[in-house]
Amino acid sequence: MIINAHAKINLTLDVVGKRPDGYHELKTVFYEMPLHDILEFSRTEDKGIKIECSDRQLPTGEENLVYKAAKLLFDGYRLDGGLKVYIEKNIPYGAGLGGGSSDAAAALKAVNELYGLKLSDEELKKYAACIGADVPFFISGGAAYAGGIGEKLEPLGKVEIKPVVLAKPVFGVSTVSAYRAVDSERCVFHPDVDSVVEGLKSGRFEDVYQNIGNSFEIPVFRLYPEIGKIKEAFLASGARASAMTGSGSAVFAVFESEDEAFAAAQKIKARFDGIAVFLNNGERI
């Protein structure tokens, strides 16, 4: 079976604080994007999980999230057989776009289907939470508010944001280093996540655009000034709103029309060396 594993952006992301267990309490809004990896899954008679990937830089062994996700179900249900996976990688990694997490969610769906486990989405989300904080979101996708460490999900229904352009610089950002940076901030920026949620529910998108933000931006921009410059360039090109997604390094921008989005994407592409720019439909320019 073939599954398209979509990217996400965080329309807004508030790092509320660090918990006693070392994890961080978050408030965020996930929004699924058309950009996607393509994963092909095959059930095999031989035991074991074998992964191949179009990007040879990515690990394909036990450290791969697809492997970890599939193994959870194979071990939990003592499945007799194996799995062969091919990943066509389109979502940049180290970008805050959730590519690895989305691929992991696809693996859970594939094993569930190929082996006839008949697990519900809610049951799959419990396994997904064992892999990573944003993996449960990708089981259902769409748009959702997330609290806790990302595992407390509230679907926001069918939401369509105006044309969104993504830009990922040549470098990535380590999630660990981003959290370390935000922890060292004396005064962390806390965007108004509740206003974004209410704006999406009511269709008041002006409230959404005005409150898009990310607690990671100030400390991460200090470490990687180019990310901040990309955001500034988007806003100077007429974006209604722009922000870094996740812990970086990708930046998204929302535009009024497809024409404005395309024109801005071309400017960003020309200005920053090695940058990867994706249009609203997932096409890379």
C-alpha atoms as a PDB file:
ATOM      1  CA  MET A   1       0.000   0.000   0.000  1.00  0.00           C
ATOM      2  CA  ILE A   2       1.068   3.589  -0.638  1.00  0.00           C
ATOM      3  CA  ILE A   3       0.532   6.414   1.852  1.00  0.00           C
ATOM      4  CA  ASN A   4       1.216  10.116   1.416  1.00  0.00           C
ATOM      5  CA  ALA A   5       2.678  11.405   4.684  1.00  0.00           C
ATOM      6  CA  HIS A   6       2.010  15.142   4.863  1.00  0.00           C
ATOM      7  CA  ALA A   7       4.042  17.913   6.477  1.00  0.00           C
ATOM      8  CA  LYS A   8       2.652  20.232   9.126  1.00  0.00           C
ATOM      9  CA  ILE A   9       3.229  23.757  10.277  1.00  0.00           C
ATOM     10  CA  ASN A  10       2.604  25.207  13.723  1.00  0.00           C
ATOM     11  CA  LEU A  11       0.331  28.174  13.070  1.00  0.00           C
ATOM     12  CA  THR A  12       1.230  29.245  16.583  1.00  0.00           C
ATOM     13  CA  LEU A  13       3.405  27.635  19.248  1.00  0.00           C
ATOM     14  CA  ASP A  14       3.684  28.555  22.916  1.00  0.00           C
ATOM     15  CA  VAL A  15       6.313  26.884  25.090  1.00  0.00           C
ATOM     16  CA  VAL A  16       4.383  27.259  28.339  1.00  0.00           C
ATOM     17  CA  GLY A  17       7.179  25.941  30.557  1.00  0.00           C
ATOM     18  CA  LYS A  18       9.308  23.008  31.585  1.00  0.00           C
ATOM     19  CA  ARG A  19       7.671  20.210  33.563  1.00  0.00           C
ATOM     20  CA  PRO A  20       9.221  18.336  36.510  1.00  0.00           C
ATOM     21  CA  ASP A  21       9.717  15.277  34.281  1.00  0.00           C
ATOM     22  CA  GLY A  22      11.941  17.281  31.931  1.00  0.00           C
ATOM     23  CA  TYR A  23       9.390  17.578  29.120  1.00  0.00           C
ATOM     24  CA  HIS A  24       7.983  20.932  28.030  1.00  0.00           C
ATOM     25  CA  GLU A  25       4.333  21.948  28.300  1.00  0.00           C
ATOM     26  CA  LEU A  26       3.122  23.302  24.968  1.00  0.00           C
ATOM     27  CA  LYS A  27       0.121  25.000  23.435  1.00  0.00           C
ATOM     28  CA  THR A  28       0.083  24.905  19.661  1.00  0.00           C
ATOM     29  CA  VAL A  29      -2.049  24.681  16.542  1.00  0.00           C
ATOM     30  CA  PHE A  30      -1.030  22.068  13.984  1.00  0.00           C
ATOM     31  CA  TYR A  31      -2.018  22.586  10.356  1.00  0.00           C
ATOM     32  CA  GLU A  32      -1.482  19.910   7.708  1.00  0.00           C
ATOM     33  CA  MET A  33       0.240  20.967   4.476  1.00  0.00           C
ATOM     34  CA  PRO A  34       0.051  19.459   0.953  1.00  0.00           C
ATOM     35  CA  LEU A  35       3.831  18.848   0.902  1.00  0.00           C
ATOM     36  CA  HIS A  36       4.325  15.118   1.548  1.00  0.00           C
ATOM     37  CA  ASP A  37       6.630  12.129   1.588  1.00  0.00           C
ATOM     38  CA  ILE A  38       5.452   9.030  -0.307  1.00  0.00           C
ATOM     39  CA  LEU A  39       5.781   5.718   1.521  1.00  0.00           C
ATOM     40  CA  GLU A  40       5.278   2.303  -0.058  1.00  0.00           C
ATOM     41  CA  PHE A  41       4.649  -0.574   2.365  1.00  0.00           C
ATOM     42  CA  SER A  42       4.734  -4.295   1.580  1.00  0.00           C
ATOM     43  CA  ARG A  43       3.993  -7.174   3.892  1.00  0.00           C
ATOM     44  CA  THR A  44       6.678  -9.876   3.752  1.00  0.00           C
ATOM     45  CA  GLU A  45       6.871 -13.482   4.860  1.00  0.00           C
ATOM     46  CA  ASP A  46      10.395 -12.998   6.191  1.00  0.00           C
ATOM     47  CA  LYS A  47      10.528 -11.409   9.617  1.00  0.00           C
ATOM     48  CA  GLY A  48      12.113  -8.015  10.118  1.00  0.00           C
ATOM     49  CA  ILE A  49      11.575  -4.425   9.068  1.00  0.00           C
ATOM     50  CA  LYS A  50      13.567  -3.290   6.040  1.00  0.00           C
ATOM     51  CA  ILE A  51      13.605   0.359   4.994  1.00  0.00           C
ATOM     52  CA  GLU A  52      14.965   2.033   1.890  1.00  0.00           C
ATOM     53  CA  CYS A  53      14.933   5.792   1.331  1.00  0.00           C
ATOM     54  CA  SER A  54      15.496   8.092  -1.627  1.00  0.00           C
ATOM     55  CA  ASP A  55      17.668  10.272   0.624  1.00  0.00           C
ATOM     56  CA  ARG A  56      20.743   8.263   1.516  1.00  0.00           C
ATOM     57  CA  GLN A  57      21.641  10.653   4.321  1.00  0.00           C
ATOM     58  CA  LEU A  58      18.715   9.461   6.408  1.00  0.00           C
ATOM     59  CA  PRO A  59      19.170   6.425   8.680  1.00  0.00           C
ATOM     60  CA  THR A  60      17.154   3.364   7.713  1.00  0.00           C
ATOM     61  CA  GLY A  61      17.817   1.200  10.775  1.00  0.00           C
ATOM     62  CA  GLU A  62      16.375   1.045  14.263  1.00  0.00           C
ATOM     63  CA  GLU A  63      16.837   4.798  14.816  1.00  0.00           C
ATOM     64  CA  ASN A  64      14.390   5.587  11.978  1.00  0.00           C
ATOM     65  CA  LEU A  65      10.956   6.602  13.305  1.00  0.00           C
ATOM     66  CA  VAL A  66       9.230   4.432  10.691  1.00  0.00           C
ATOM     67  CA  TYR A  67      11.121   1.435  12.059  1.00  0.00           C
ATOM     68  CA  LYS A  68      10.259   2.359  15.656  1.00  0.00           C
ATOM     69  CA  ALA A  69       6.568   2.802  14.835  1.00  0.00           C
ATOM     70  CA  ALA A  70       6.251  -0.461  12.940  1.00  0.00           C
ATOM     71  CA  LYS A  71       8.168  -2.363  15.631  1.00  0.00           C
ATOM     72  CA  LEU A  72       5.751  -1.149  18.309  1.00  0.00           C
ATOM     73  CA  LEU A  73       2.911  -2.976  16.594  1.00  0.00           C
ATOM     74  CA  PHE A  74       4.958  -5.995  15.556  1.00  0.00           C
ATOM     75  CA  ASP A  75       6.115  -6.517  19.135  1.00  0.00           C
ATOM     76  CA  GLY A  76       2.808  -5.604  20.757  1.00  0.00           C
ATOM     77  CA  TYR A  77       0.780  -8.029  18.652  1.00  0.00           C
ATOM     78  CA  ARG A  78       3.529 -10.601  18.015  1.00  0.00           C
ATOM     79  CA  LEU A  79       2.919 -10.382  14.291  1.00  0.00           C
ATOM     80  CA  ASP A  80       4.169 -13.245  12.154  1.00  0.00           C
ATOM     81  CA  GLY A  81       5.935 -11.752   9.176  1.00  0.00           C
ATOM     82  CA  GLY A  82       7.780  -8.576   8.290  1.00  0.00           C
ATOM     83  CA  LEU A  83       7.563  -5.259   6.517  1.00  0.00           C
ATOM     84  CA  LYS A  84       9.345  -3.676   3.587  1.00  0.00           C
ATOM     85  CA  VAL A  85       9.226   0.105   3.286  1.00  0.00           C
ATOM     86  CA  TYR A  86      10.379   2.532   0.617  1.00  0.00           C
ATOM     87  CA  ILE A  87      10.370   6.246   1.501  1.00  0.00           C
ATOM     88  CA  GLU A  88      10.423   8.906  -1.184  1.00  0.00           C
ATOM     89  CA  LYS A  89      11.594  11.842   0.909  1.00  0.00           C
ATOM     90  CA  ASN A  90      10.248  15.264  -0.046  1.00  0.00           C
ATOM     91  CA  ILE A  91       9.806  16.938   3.342  1.00  0.00           C
ATOM     92  CA  PRO A  92      13.077  18.537   4.497  1.00  0.00           C
ATOM     93  CA  TYR A  93      14.375  17.259   7.818  1.00  0.00           C
ATOM     94  CA  GLY A  94      15.590  19.458  10.649  1.00  0.00           C
ATOM     95  CA  ALA A  95      12.910  21.907   9.534  1.00  0.00           C
ATOM     96  CA  GLY A  96      10.108  21.727  12.107  1.00  0.00           C
ATOM     97  CA  LEU A  97       7.767  20.334   9.441  1.00  0.00           C
ATOM     98  CA  GLY A  98       7.236  16.974  11.154  1.00  0.00           C
ATOM     99  CA  GLY A  99       8.410  14.783   8.279  1.00  0.00           C
ATOM    100  CA  GLY A 100       9.761  11.983  10.452  1.00  0.00           C
ATOM    101  CA  SER A 101       6.707  12.043  12.700  1.00  0.00           C
ATOM    102  CA  SER A 102       4.355  11.968   9.732  1.00  0.00           C
ATOM    103  CA  ASP A 103       6.236   8.996   8.262  1.00  0.00           C
ATOM    104  CA  ALA A 104       5.957   7.208  11.625  1.00  0.00           C
ATOM    105  CA  ALA A 105       2.192   7.757  11.701  1.00  0.00           C
ATOM    106  CA  ALA A 106       1.982   6.358   8.157  1.00  0.00           C
ATOM    107  CA  ALA A 107       3.826   3.239   9.335  1.00  0.00           C
ATOM    108  CA  LEU A 108       1.299   2.691  12.134  1.00  0.00           C
ATOM    109  CA  LYS A 109      -1.576   3.013   9.654  1.00  0.00           C
ATOM    110  CA  ALA A 110       0.108   0.649   7.192  1.00  0.00           C
ATOM    111  CA  VAL A 111       0.839  -2.134   9.690  1.00  0.00           C
ATOM    112  CA  ASN A 112      -2.678  -1.782  11.082  1.00  0.00           C
ATOM    113  CA  GLU A 113      -4.136  -2.244   7.583  1.00  0.00           C
ATOM    114  CA  LEU A 114      -1.735  -4.845   6.166  1.00  0.00           C
ATOM    115  CA  TYR A 115      -2.022  -7.101   9.214  1.00  0.00           C
ATOM    116  CA  GLY A 116      -5.731  -6.573   9.828  1.00  0.00           C
ATOM    117  CA  LEU A 117      -5.363  -5.291  13.387  1.00  0.00           C
ATOM    118  CA  LYS A 118      -8.492  -3.130  13.062  1.00  0.00           C
ATOM    119  CA  LEU A 119      -7.221  -0.545  15.528  1.00  0.00           C
ATOM    120  CA  SER A 120      -9.193   2.702  15.693  1.00  0.00           C
ATOM    121  CA  ASP A 121      -7.542   6.080  15.180  1.00  0.00           C
ATOM    122  CA  GLU A 122      -7.722   6.693  18.926  1.00  0.00           C
ATOM    123  CA  GLU A 123      -5.940   3.418  19.609  1.00  0.00           C
ATOM    124  CA  LEU A 124      -3.290   4.245  17.019  1.00  0.00           C
ATOM    125  CA  LYS A 125      -2.770   7.641  18.647  1.00  0.00           C
ATOM    126  CA  LYS A 126      -1.817   5.931  21.911  1.00  0.00           C
ATOM    127  CA  TYR A 127       0.970   4.088  20.108  1.00  0.00           C
ATOM    128  CA  ALA A 128       1.891   7.275  18.250  1.00  0.00           C
ATOM    129  CA  ALA A 129       2.403   9.137  21.534  1.00  0.00           C
ATOM    130  CA  CYS A 130       5.092   6.595  22.462  1.00  0.00           C
ATOM    131  CA  ILE A 131       7.148   7.697  19.452  1.00  0.00           C
ATOM    132  CA  GLY A 132       6.980  11.478  19.582  1.00  0.00           C
ATOM    133  CA  ALA A 133       4.879  14.409  20.753  1.00  0.00           C
ATOM    134  CA  ASP A 134       3.519  15.390  17.332  1.00  0.00           C
ATOM    135  CA  VAL A 135       3.052  11.871  15.907  1.00  0.00           C
ATOM    136  CA  PRO A 136      -0.558  11.504  17.206  1.00  0.00           C
ATOM    137  CA  PHE A 137      -1.623  14.538  15.167  1.00  0.00           C
ATOM    138  CA  PHE A 138      -0.637  12.840  11.918  1.00  0.00           C
ATOM    139  CA  ILE A 139      -2.987   9.921  12.514  1.00  0.00           C
ATOM    140  CA  SER A 140      -5.926  12.193  11.677  1.00  0.00           C
ATOM    141  CA  GLY A 141      -4.204  15.292  10.234  1.00  0.00           C
ATOM    142  CA  GLY A 142      -6.209  18.350   9.247  1.00  0.00           C
ATOM    143  CA  ALA A 143      -6.009  21.098  11.830  1.00  0.00           C
ATOM    144  CA  ALA A 144      -5.890  20.635  15.582  1.00  0.00           C
ATOM    145  CA  TYR A 145      -5.127  22.358  18.845  1.00  0.00           C
ATOM    146  CA  ALA A 146      -2.553  20.463  20.897  1.00  0.00           C
ATOM    147  CA  GLY A 147      -1.727  20.793  24.585  1.00  0.00           C
ATOM    148  CA  GLY A 148       0.422  18.940  27.081  1.00  0.00           C
ATOM    149  CA  ILE A 149       3.557  17.762  25.286  1.00  0.00           C
ATOM    150  CA  GLY A 150       1.541  17.690  22.070  1.00  0.00           C
ATOM    151  CA  GLU A 151      -0.506  14.593  22.828  1.00  0.00           C
ATOM    152  CA  LYS A 152      -3.741  16.308  23.943  1.00  0.00           C
ATOM    153  CA  LEU A 153      -5.492  16.938  20.653  1.00  0.00           C
ATOM    154  CA  GLU A 154      -8.660  18.861  19.826  1.00  0.00           C
ATOM    155  CA  PRO A 155      -9.605  18.629  16.126  1.00  0.00           C
ATOM    156  CA  LEU A 156     -10.592  21.991  14.658  1.00  0.00           C
ATOM    157  CA  GLY A 157     -12.593  20.680  11.724  1.00  0.00           C
ATOM    158  CA  LYS A 158     -12.068  21.536   8.096  1.00  0.00           C
ATOM    159  CA  VAL A 159      -9.892  24.635   7.939  1.00  0.00           C
ATOM    160  CA  GLU A 160      -8.280  26.183   4.873  1.00  0.00           C
ATOM    161  CA  ILE A 161      -5.677  28.889   5.366  1.00  0.00           C
ATOM    162  CA  LYS A 162      -4.946  31.230   2.449  1.00  0.00           C
ATOM    163  CA  PRO A 163      -1.928  30.414   0.235  1.00  0.00           C
ATOM    164  CA  VAL A 164       1.015  29.358   2.364  1.00  0.00           C
ATOM    165  CA  VAL A 165       4.636  29.380   1.196  1.00  0.00           C
ATOM    166  CA  LEU A 166       7.334  27.376   2.991  1.00  0.00           C
ATOM    167  CA  ALA A 167      11.028  28.188   3.005  1.00  0.00           C
ATOM    168  CA  LYS A 168      13.737  26.023   4.547  1.00  0.00           C
ATOM    169  CA  PRO A 169      17.345  27.256   4.664  1.00  0.00           C
ATOM    170  CA  VAL A 170      20.189  24.941   3.765  1.00  0.00           C
ATOM    171  CA  PHE A 171      20.769  24.120   7.445  1.00  0.00           C
ATOM    172  CA  GLY A 172      18.515  22.495  10.032  1.00  0.00           C
ATOM    173  CA  VAL A 173      17.970  23.233  13.719  1.00  0.00           C
ATOM    174  CA  SER A 174      18.454  20.656  16.443  1.00  0.00           C
ATOM    175  CA  THR A 175      15.309  20.348  18.560  1.00  0.00           C
ATOM    176  CA  VAL A 176      17.463  19.791  21.644  1.00  0.00           C
ATOM    177  CA  SER A 177      19.434  22.990  21.041  1.00  0.00           C
ATOM    178  CA  ALA A 178      16.224  24.949  20.402  1.00  0.00           C
ATOM    179  CA  TYR A 179      14.711  23.860  23.720  1.00  0.00           C
ATOM    180  CA  ARG A 180      17.975  24.621  25.489  1.00  0.00           C
ATOM    181  CA  ALA A 181      17.917  28.104  23.974  1.00  0.00           C
ATOM    182  CA  VAL A 182      14.317  28.824  24.974  1.00  0.00           C
ATOM    183  CA  ASP A 183      15.013  27.544  28.498  1.00  0.00           C
ATOM    184  CA  SER A 184      17.820  30.098  28.832  1.00  0.00           C
ATOM    185  CA  GLU A 185      15.535  33.027  27.927  1.00  0.00           C
ATOM    186  CA  ARG A 186      14.739  35.370  30.795  1.00  0.00           C
ATOM    187  CA  CYS A 187      11.467  36.443  29.218  1.00  0.00           C
ATOM    188  CA  VAL A 188       9.907  33.909  26.845  1.00  0.00           C
ATOM    189  CA  PHE A 189       7.435  35.204  24.251  1.00  0.00           C
ATOM    190  CA  HIS A 190       4.008  33.588  24.669  1.00  0.00           C
ATOM    191  CA  PRO A 191       1.742  33.985  21.598  1.00  0.00           C
ATOM    192  CA  ASP A 192      -2.027  34.100  22.085  1.00  0.00           C
ATOM    193  CA  VAL A 193      -2.840  30.541  21.053  1.00  0.00           C
ATOM    194  CA  ASP A 194      -6.425  30.763  22.310  1.00  0.00           C
ATOM    195  CA  SER A 195      -7.195  33.631  19.908  1.00  0.00           C
ATOM    196  CA  VAL A 196      -5.848  31.587  16.992  1.00  0.00           C
ATOM    197  CA  VAL A 197      -8.030  28.634  17.991  1.00  0.00           C
ATOM    198  CA  GLU A 198     -11.141  30.781  18.341  1.00  0.00           C
ATOM    199  CA  GLY A 199     -10.395  32.540  15.065  1.00  0.00           C
ATOM    200  CA  LEU A 200     -10.181  29.223  13.238  1.00  0.00           C
ATOM    201  CA  LYS A 201     -13.405  27.976  14.820  1.00  0.00           C
ATOM    202  CA  SER A 202     -15.346  31.135  13.998  1.00  0.00           C
ATOM    203  CA  GLY A 203     -13.782  31.855  10.616  1.00  0.00           C
ATOM    204  CA  ARG A 204     -12.292  35.159  11.825  1.00  0.00           C
ATOM    205  CA  PHE A 205      -8.993  34.642  10.047  1.00  0.00           C
ATOM    206  CA  GLU A 206      -7.794  38.170  10.799  1.00  0.00           C
ATOM    207  CA  ASP A 207      -7.588  37.081  14.446  1.00  0.00           C
ATOM    208  CA  VAL A 208      -5.551  34.081  13.306  1.00  0.00           C
ATOM    209  CA  TYR A 209      -3.064  36.121  11.273  1.00  0.00           C
ATOM    210  CA  GLN A 210      -2.606  38.739  13.999  1.00  0.00           C
ATOM    211  CA  ASN A 211      -1.726  36.114  16.614  1.00  0.00           C
ATOM    212  CA  ILE A 212       0.528  33.773  14.656  1.00  0.00           C
ATOM    213  CA  GLY A 213       3.735  33.395  16.645  1.00  0.00           C
ATOM    214  CA  ASN A 214       6.335  31.032  18.077  1.00  0.00           C
ATOM    215  CA  SER A 215       8.102  31.013  21.452  1.00  0.00           C
ATOM    216  CA  PHE A 216      11.218  29.552  19.829  1.00  0.00           C
ATOM    217  CA  GLU A 217      11.758  32.430  17.413  1.00  0.00           C
ATOM    218  CA  ILE A 218      13.693  34.942  19.541  1.00  0.00           C
ATOM    219  CA  PRO A 219      16.295  32.494  20.918  1.00  0.00           C
ATOM    220  CA  VAL A 220      16.599  30.524  17.672  1.00  0.00           C
ATOM    221  CA  PHE A 221      16.932  33.682  15.548  1.00  0.00           C
ATOM    222  CA  ARG A 222      19.769  34.703  17.841  1.00  0.00           C
ATOM    223  CA  LEU A 223      21.545  31.439  17.057  1.00  0.00           C
ATOM    224  CA  TYR A 224      20.600  31.418  13.364  1.00  0.00           C
ATOM    225  CA  PRO A 225      20.058  35.016  12.150  1.00  0.00           C
ATOM    226  CA  GLU A 226      19.288  33.890   8.595  1.00  0.00           C
ATOM    227  CA  ILE A 227      15.978  32.366   9.755  1.00  0.00           C
ATOM    228  CA  GLY A 228      14.895  35.748  11.076  1.00  0.00           C
ATOM    229  CA  LYS A 229      15.953  37.381   7.820  1.00  0.00           C
ATOM    230  CA  ILE A 230      13.782  34.929   5.860  1.00  0.00           C
ATOM    231  CA  LYS A 231      10.776  35.883   7.987  1.00  0.00           C
ATOM    232  CA  GLU A 232      11.532  39.582   7.473  1.00  0.00           C
ATOM    233  CA  ALA A 233      11.797  39.032   3.708  1.00  0.00           C
ATOM    234  CA  PHE A 234       8.408  37.308   3.627  1.00  0.00           C
ATOM    235  CA  LEU A 235       6.758  40.172   5.510  1.00  0.00           C
ATOM    236  CA  ALA A 236       8.449  42.716   3.243  1.00  0.00           C
ATOM    237  CA  SER A 237       7.021  40.791   0.267  1.00  0.00           C
ATOM    238  CA  GLY A 238       3.477  41.372   1.478  1.00  0.00           C
ATOM    239  CA  ALA A 239       2.747  38.336   3.640  1.00  0.00           C
ATOM    240  CA  ARG A 240      -0.271  38.651   5.921  1.00  0.00           C
ATOM    241  CA  ALA A 241       1.689  36.739   8.558  1.00  0.00           C
ATOM    242  CA  SER A 242       4.896  34.763   8.859  1.00  0.00           C
ATOM    243  CA  ALA A 243       6.551  32.614  11.524  1.00  0.00           C
ATOM    244  CA  MET A 244       9.056  29.857  12.055  1.00  0.00           C
ATOM    245  CA  THR A 245       7.408  26.460  12.384  1.00  0.00           C
ATOM    246  CA  GLY A 246       8.196  24.107  15.257  1.00  0.00           C
ATOM    247  CA  SER A 247      11.737  24.524  16.542  1.00  0.00           C
ATOM    248  CA  GLY A 248      12.941  25.498  13.044  1.00  0.00           C
ATOM    249  CA  SER A 249      14.496  25.946  10.650  1.00  0.00           C
ATOM    250  CA  ALA A 250      11.613  26.322   8.161  1.00  0.00           C
ATOM    251  CA  VAL A 251       9.567  29.515   7.931  1.00  0.00           C
ATOM    252  CA  PHE A 252       6.036  29.797   6.556  1.00  0.00           C
ATOM    253  CA  ALA A 253       4.165  32.816   5.269  1.00  0.00           C
ATOM    254  CA  VAL A 254       0.477  33.386   4.517  1.00  0.00           C
ATOM    255  CA  PHE A 255      -0.556  35.472   1.509  1.00  0.00           C
ATOM    256  CA  GLU A 256      -3.753  36.984   0.181  1.00  0.00           C
ATOM    257  CA  SER A 257      -3.572  35.304  -3.237  1.00  0.00           C
ATOM    258  CA  GLU A 258      -1.743  32.604  -5.158  1.00  0.00           C
ATOM    259  CA  ASP A 259      -0.126  35.243  -7.397  1.00  0.00           C
ATOM    260  CA  GLU A 260       1.290  37.140  -4.420  1.00  0.00           C
ATOM    261  CA  ALA A 261       2.498  33.898  -2.876  1.00  0.00           C
ATOM    262  CA  PHE A 262       4.274  32.834  -6.076  1.00  0.00           C
ATOM    263  CA  ALA A 263       5.929  36.228  -6.531  1.00  0.00           C
ATOM    264  CA  ALA A 264       7.201  36.194  -2.943  1.00  0.00           C
ATOM    265  CA  ALA A 265       8.439  32.616  -3.288  1.00  0.00           C
ATOM    266  CA  GLN A 266      10.507  33.611  -6.322  1.00  0.00           C
ATOM    267  CA  LYS A 267      12.041  36.558  -4.428  1.00  0.00           C
ATOM    268  CA  ILE A 268      12.947  34.371  -1.453  1.00  0.00           C
ATOM    269  CA  LYS A 269      14.438  31.727  -3.736  1.00  0.00           C
ATOM    270  CA  ALA A 270      16.620  34.306  -5.477  1.00  0.00           C
ATOM    271  CA  ARG A 271      17.788  36.023  -2.304  1.00  0.00           C
ATOM    272  CA  PHE A 272      18.923  33.115  -0.091  1.00  0.00           C
ATOM    273  CA  ASP A 273      21.532  30.648  -1.345  1.00  0.00           C
ATOM    274  CA  GLY A 274      20.561  26.976  -1.165  1.00  0.00           C
ATOM    275  CA  ILE A 275      17.098  27.662   0.228  1.00  0.00           C
ATOM    276  CA  ALA A 276      14.267  25.201  -0.488  1.00  0.00           C
ATOM    277  CA  VAL A 277      10.980  26.944  -1.264  1.00  0.00           C
ATOM    278  CA  PHE A 278       7.627  25.190  -1.518  1.00  0.00           C
ATOM    279  CA  LEU A 279       4.368  26.572  -2.882  1.00  0.00           C
ATOM    280  CA  ASN A 280       0.925  26.074  -1.349  1.00  0.00           C
ATOM    281  CA  ASN A 281       0.331  22.912  -3.414  1.00  0.00           C
ATOM    282  CA  GLY A 282       3.563  21.326  -2.172  1.00  0.00           C
ATOM    283  CA  GLU A 283       5.500  22.024  -5.376  1.00  0.00           C
ATOM    284  CA  ARG A 284       9.152  22.963  -4.912  1.00  0.00           C
ATOM    285  CA  ILE A 285      10.413  25.853  -7.034  1.00  0.00           C
END
